Amino acid sequence: MKPELMEILVCPLCNSKLSLRITTEENGEILEGTLHCSNDQTVYPIEDSIPNLLPTSDY
């Protein structure tokens, strides 16, 4: 995932801003990490540089 994507990503449940926590980054690409909703405290994983914005009940 490119860091610039954070400008347009919002929580799919409540449309609040997401914050980013990076675990692994390489060549400017976020490979692993999490996105955190500032409103409802939902956490979305980033795996293999793909953010998974499905609610956890849909995993």
PDB file of N, CA and C in Angstrom:
ATOM      1  N   MET A   1       0.846  -1.168   0.000  1.00  0.00           N
ATOM      2  CA  MET A   1       0.000   0.000   0.000  1.00  0.00           C
ATOM      3  C   MET A   1       0.891   1.230   0.000  1.00  0.00           C
ATOM      4  N   LYS A   2       0.562   2.171  -0.808  1.00  0.00           N
ATOM      5  CA  LYS A   2       1.283   3.438  -0.833  1.00  0.00           C
ATOM      6  C   LYS A   2       0.768   4.342   0.287  1.00  0.00           C
ATOM      7  N   PRO A   3       1.653   5.038   0.984  1.00  0.00           N
ATOM      8  CA  PRO A   3       1.215   5.932   2.068  1.00  0.00           C
ATOM      9  C   PRO A   3       0.230   7.005   1.606  1.00  0.00           C
ATOM     10  N   GLU A   4       0.291   7.408   0.348  1.00  0.00           N
ATOM     11  CA  GLU A   4      -0.609   8.432  -0.182  1.00  0.00           C
ATOM     12  C   GLU A   4      -2.072   8.010  -0.143  1.00  0.00           C
ATOM     13  N   LEU A   5      -2.311   6.714  -0.077  1.00  0.00           N
ATOM     14  CA  LEU A   5      -3.670   6.190  -0.024  1.00  0.00           C
ATOM     15  C   LEU A   5      -4.397   6.644   1.245  1.00  0.00           C
ATOM     16  N   MET A   6      -3.648   6.987   2.285  1.00  0.00           N
ATOM     17  CA  MET A   6      -4.241   7.429   3.539  1.00  0.00           C
ATOM     18  C   MET A   6      -5.079   8.693   3.373  1.00  0.00           C
ATOM     19  N   GLU A   7      -4.799   9.478   2.344  1.00  0.00           N
ATOM     20  CA  GLU A   7      -5.554  10.707   2.093  1.00  0.00           C
ATOM     21  C   GLU A   7      -7.014  10.425   1.750  1.00  0.00           C
ATOM     22  N   ILE A   8      -7.307   9.240   1.199  1.00  0.00           N
ATOM     23  CA  ILE A   8      -8.678   8.953   0.767  1.00  0.00           C
ATOM     24  C   ILE A   8      -9.346   7.825   1.547  1.00  0.00           C
ATOM     25  N   LEU A   9      -8.572   7.071   2.338  1.00  0.00           N
ATOM     26  CA  LEU A   9      -9.167   5.954   3.086  1.00  0.00           C
ATOM     27  C   LEU A   9      -9.959   6.450   4.291  1.00  0.00           C
ATOM     28  N   VAL A  10     -11.139   5.887   4.467  1.00  0.00           N
ATOM     29  CA  VAL A  10     -11.959   6.138   5.655  1.00  0.00           C
ATOM     30  C   VAL A  10     -12.526   4.808   6.125  1.00  0.00           C
ATOM     31  N   CYS A  11     -13.003   4.783   7.349  1.00  0.00           N
ATOM     32  CA  CYS A  11     -13.621   3.578   7.894  1.00  0.00           C
ATOM     33  C   CYS A  11     -14.888   3.266   7.098  1.00  0.00           C
ATOM     34  N   PRO A  12     -15.029   2.048   6.599  1.00  0.00           N
ATOM     35  CA  PRO A  12     -16.217   1.703   5.817  1.00  0.00           C
ATOM     36  C   PRO A  12     -17.487   1.627   6.666  1.00  0.00           C
ATOM     37  N   LEU A  13     -17.351   1.543   7.979  1.00  0.00           N
ATOM     38  CA  LEU A  13     -18.519   1.450   8.856  1.00  0.00           C
ATOM     39  C   LEU A  13     -19.075   2.820   9.247  1.00  0.00           C
ATOM     40  N   CYS A  14     -18.186   3.801   9.479  1.00  0.00           N
ATOM     41  CA  CYS A  14     -18.661   5.094   9.989  1.00  0.00           C
ATOM     42  C   CYS A  14     -18.097   6.309   9.246  1.00  0.00           C
ATOM     43  N   ASN A  15     -17.251   6.089   8.251  1.00  0.00           N
ATOM     44  CA  ASN A  15     -16.639   7.149   7.435  1.00  0.00           C
ATOM     45  C   ASN A  15     -15.683   8.057   8.202  1.00  0.00           C
ATOM     46  N   SER A  16     -15.165   7.605   9.335  1.00  0.00           N
ATOM     47  CA  SER A  16     -14.188   8.383  10.098  1.00  0.00           C
ATOM     48  C   SER A  16     -12.793   8.165   9.536  1.00  0.00           C
ATOM     49  N   LYS A  17     -11.894   9.093   9.880  1.00  0.00           N
ATOM     50  CA  LYS A  17     -10.504   8.965   9.457  1.00  0.00           C
ATOM     51  C   LYS A  17      -9.872   7.717  10.058  1.00  0.00           C
ATOM     52  N   LEU A  18      -8.906   7.183   9.350  1.00  0.00           N
ATOM     53  CA  LEU A  18      -8.137   6.031   9.823  1.00  0.00           C
ATOM     54  C   LEU A  18      -6.716   6.482  10.135  1.00  0.00           C
ATOM     55  N   SER A  19      -6.141   5.907  11.168  1.00  0.00           N
ATOM     56  CA  SER A  19      -4.729   6.144  11.455  1.00  0.00           C
ATOM     57  C   SER A  19      -3.946   4.895  11.067  1.00  0.00           C
ATOM     58  N   LEU A  20      -2.692   5.089  10.750  1.00  0.00           N
ATOM     59  CA  LEU A  20      -1.846   4.026  10.211  1.00  0.00           C
ATOM     60  C   LEU A  20      -0.765   3.648  11.204  1.00  0.00           C
ATOM     61  N   ARG A  21      -0.582   2.357  11.404  1.00  0.00           N
ATOM     62  CA  ARG A  21       0.541   1.818  12.189  1.00  0.00           C
ATOM     63  C   ARG A  21       1.279   0.837  11.297  1.00  0.00           C
ATOM     64  N   ILE A  22       2.509   1.181  10.981  1.00  0.00           N
ATOM     65  CA  ILE A  22       3.312   0.390  10.049  1.00  0.00           C
ATOM     66  C   ILE A  22       4.147  -0.636  10.805  1.00  0.00           C
ATOM     67  N   THR A  23       4.079  -1.883  10.352  1.00  0.00           N
ATOM     68  CA  THR A  23       4.917  -2.956  10.909  1.00  0.00           C
ATOM     69  C   THR A  23       6.120  -3.195   9.998  1.00  0.00           C
ATOM     70  N   THR A  24       5.873  -3.287   8.676  1.00  0.00           N
ATOM     71  CA  THR A  24       6.929  -3.539   7.699  1.00  0.00           C
ATOM     72  C   THR A  24       6.749  -2.600   6.517  1.00  0.00           C
ATOM     73  N   GLU A  25       7.834  -1.934   6.150  1.00  0.00           N
ATOM     74  CA  GLU A  25       7.822  -1.014   5.005  1.00  0.00           C
ATOM     75  C   GLU A  25       9.075  -1.266   4.175  1.00  0.00           C
ATOM     76  N   GLU A  26       8.923  -1.202   2.859  1.00  0.00           N
ATOM     77  CA  GLU A  26      10.060  -1.440   1.970  1.00  0.00           C
ATOM     78  C   GLU A  26       9.908  -0.576   0.723  1.00  0.00           C
ATOM     79  N   ASN A  27      10.935   0.185   0.403  1.00  0.00           N
ATOM     80  CA  ASN A  27      10.952   1.038  -0.793  1.00  0.00           C
ATOM     81  C   ASN A  27       9.732   1.949  -0.879  1.00  0.00           C
ATOM     82  N   GLY A  28       9.316   2.526   0.249  1.00  0.00           N
ATOM     83  CA  GLY A  28       8.189   3.438   0.252  1.00  0.00           C
ATOM     84  C   GLY A  28       6.828   2.770   0.192  1.00  0.00           C
ATOM     85  N   GLU A  29       6.792   1.462   0.241  1.00  0.00           N
ATOM     86  CA  GLU A  29       5.546   0.689   0.186  1.00  0.00           C
ATOM     87  C   GLU A  29       5.300   0.062   1.564  1.00  0.00           C
ATOM     88  N   ILE A  30       4.082   0.199   2.072  1.00  0.00           N
ATOM     89  CA  ILE A  30       3.723  -0.410   3.353  1.00  0.00           C
ATOM     90  C   ILE A  30       3.322  -1.861   3.084  1.00  0.00           C
ATOM     91  N   LEU A  31       4.095  -2.798   3.613  1.00  0.00           N
ATOM     92  CA  LEU A  31       3.835  -4.215   3.372  1.00  0.00           C
ATOM     93  C   LEU A  31       2.927  -4.825   4.436  1.00  0.00           C
ATOM     94  N   GLU A  32       3.142  -4.465   5.692  1.00  0.00           N
ATOM     95  CA  GLU A  32       2.369  -5.007   6.809  1.00  0.00           C
ATOM     96  C   GLU A  32       2.080  -3.875   7.789  1.00  0.00           C
ATOM     97  N   GLY A  33       0.916  -3.937   8.403  1.00  0.00           N
ATOM     98  CA  GLY A  33       0.551  -2.948   9.402  1.00  0.00           C
ATOM     99  C   GLY A  33      -0.935  -3.018   9.695  1.00  0.00           C
ATOM    100  N   THR A  34      -1.452  -1.952  10.293  1.00  0.00           N
ATOM    101  CA  THR A  34      -2.868  -1.892  10.618  1.00  0.00           C
ATOM    102  C   THR A  34      -3.400  -0.482  10.406  1.00  0.00           C
ATOM    103  N   LEU A  35      -4.696  -0.412  10.121  1.00  0.00           N
ATOM    104  CA  LEU A  35      -5.426   0.848  10.027  1.00  0.00           C
ATOM    105  C   LEU A  35      -6.407   0.865  11.187  1.00  0.00           C
ATOM    106  N   HIS A  36      -6.460   1.987  11.910  1.00  0.00           N
ATOM    107  CA  HIS A  36      -7.297   2.098  13.105  1.00  0.00           C
ATOM    108  C   HIS A  36      -8.311   3.215  12.929  1.00  0.00           C
ATOM    109  N   CYS A  37      -9.582   2.903  13.192  1.00  0.00           N
ATOM    110  CA  CYS A  37     -10.648   3.893  13.114  1.00  0.00           C
ATOM    111  C   CYS A  37     -10.602   4.773  14.360  1.00  0.00           C
ATOM    112  N   SER A  38     -10.635   6.088  14.161  1.00  0.00           N
ATOM    113  CA  SER A  38     -10.593   7.015  15.293  1.00  0.00           C
ATOM    114  C   SER A  38     -11.921   7.108  16.024  1.00  0.00           C
ATOM    115  N   ASN A  39     -12.998   6.616  15.421  1.00  0.00           N
ATOM    116  CA  ASN A  39     -14.324   6.739  16.024  1.00  0.00           C
ATOM    117  C   ASN A  39     -14.768   5.461  16.735  1.00  0.00           C
ATOM    118  N   ASP A  40     -14.816   4.351  16.016  1.00  0.00           N
ATOM    119  CA  ASP A  40     -15.370   3.124  16.616  1.00  0.00           C
ATOM    120  C   ASP A  40     -14.308   2.101  17.023  1.00  0.00           C
ATOM    121  N   GLN A  41     -13.031   2.470  16.946  1.00  0.00           N
ATOM    122  CA  GLN A  41     -11.911   1.639  17.406  1.00  0.00           C
ATOM    123  C   GLN A  41     -11.747   0.330  16.629  1.00  0.00           C
ATOM    124  N   THR A  42     -12.312   0.234  15.437  1.00  0.00           N
ATOM    125  CA  THR A  42     -12.133  -0.947  14.596  1.00  0.00           C
ATOM    126  C   THR A  42     -10.715  -0.948  14.027  1.00  0.00           C
ATOM    127  N   VAL A  43     -10.121  -2.126  13.929  1.00  0.00           N
ATOM    128  CA  VAL A  43      -8.766  -2.277  13.389  1.00  0.00           C
ATOM    129  C   VAL A  43      -8.844  -3.113  12.114  1.00  0.00           C
ATOM    130  N   TYR A  44      -8.204  -2.611  11.062  1.00  0.00           N
ATOM    131  CA  TYR A  44      -8.165  -3.295   9.768  1.00  0.00           C
ATOM    132  C   TYR A  44      -6.716  -3.646   9.448  1.00  0.00           C
ATOM    133  N   PRO A  45      -6.435  -4.903   9.080  1.00  0.00           N
ATOM    134  CA  PRO A  45      -5.054  -5.313   8.798  1.00  0.00           C
ATOM    135  C   PRO A  45      -4.600  -4.900   7.393  1.00  0.00           C
ATOM    136  N   ILE A  46      -3.301  -4.717   7.277  1.00  0.00           N
ATOM    137  CA  ILE A  46      -2.643  -4.563   5.972  1.00  0.00           C
ATOM    138  C   ILE A  46      -1.709  -5.761   5.860  1.00  0.00           C
ATOM    139  N   GLU A  47      -1.945  -6.608   4.857  1.00  0.00           N
ATOM    140  CA  GLU A  47      -1.122  -7.797   4.653  1.00  0.00           C
ATOM    141  C   GLU A  47      -0.707  -7.863   3.195  1.00  0.00           C
ATOM    142  N   ASP A  48       0.559  -8.119   2.963  1.00  0.00           N
ATOM    143  CA  ASP A  48       1.106  -8.168   1.596  1.00  0.00           C
ATOM    144  C   ASP A  48       0.773  -6.897   0.835  1.00  0.00           C
ATOM    145  N   SER A  49       0.840  -5.780   1.527  1.00  0.00           N
ATOM    146  CA  SER A  49       0.579  -4.409   1.061  1.00  0.00           C
ATOM    147  C   SER A  49      -0.859  -4.173   0.588  1.00  0.00           C
ATOM    148  N   ILE A  50      -1.789  -5.016   1.039  1.00  0.00           N
ATOM    149  CA  ILE A  50      -3.205  -4.860   0.690  1.00  0.00           C
ATOM    150  C   ILE A  50      -4.005  -4.580   1.957  1.00  0.00           C
ATOM    151  N   PRO A  51      -4.644  -3.390   2.035  1.00  0.00           N
ATOM    152  CA  PRO A  51      -5.500  -3.130   3.196  1.00  0.00           C
ATOM    153  C   PRO A  51      -6.818  -3.911   3.088  1.00  0.00           C
ATOM    154  N   ASN A  52      -7.188  -4.588   4.166  1.00  0.00           N
ATOM    155  CA  ASN A  52      -8.425  -5.354   4.207  1.00  0.00           C
ATOM    156  C   ASN A  52      -9.443  -4.543   5.007  1.00  0.00           C
ATOM    157  N   LEU A  53     -10.361  -3.879   4.308  1.00  0.00           N
ATOM    158  CA  LEU A  53     -11.329  -3.003   4.961  1.00  0.00           C
ATOM    159  C   LEU A  53     -12.680  -3.677   5.182  1.00  0.00           C
ATOM    160  N   LEU A  54     -12.693  -4.990   5.187  1.00  0.00           N
ATOM    161  CA  LEU A  54     -13.917  -5.703   5.533  1.00  0.00           C
ATOM    162  C   LEU A  54     -14.081  -5.698   7.042  1.00  0.00           C
ATOM    163  N   PRO A  55     -15.298  -5.556   7.541  1.00  0.00           N
ATOM    164  CA  PRO A  55     -15.506  -5.692   8.988  1.00  0.00           C
ATOM    165  C   PRO A  55     -15.040  -7.070   9.453  1.00  0.00           C
ATOM    166  N   THR A  56     -14.540  -7.163  10.668  1.00  0.00           N
ATOM    167  CA  THR A  56     -13.984  -8.426  11.162  1.00  0.00           C
ATOM    168  C   THR A  56     -15.000  -9.556  11.141  1.00  0.00           C
ATOM    169  N   SER A  57     -16.286  -9.234  11.230  1.00  0.00           N
ATOM    170  CA  SER A  57     -17.301 -10.288  11.177  1.00  0.00           C
ATOM    171  C   SER A  57     -17.383 -10.946   9.788  1.00  0.00           C
ATOM    172  N   ASP A  58     -16.815 -10.290   8.762  1.00  0.00           N
ATOM    173  CA  ASP A  58     -16.843 -10.831   7.401  1.00  0.00           C
ATOM    174  C   ASP A  58     -15.564 -11.568   7.019  1.00  0.00           C
ATOM    175  N   TYR A  59     -14.584 -11.709   7.938  1.00  0.00           N
ATOM    176  CA  TYR A  59     -13.337 -12.405   7.606  1.00  0.00           C
ATOM    177  C   TYR A  59     -13.576 -13.878   7.407  1.00  0.00           C
TER     178      TYR A  59
END
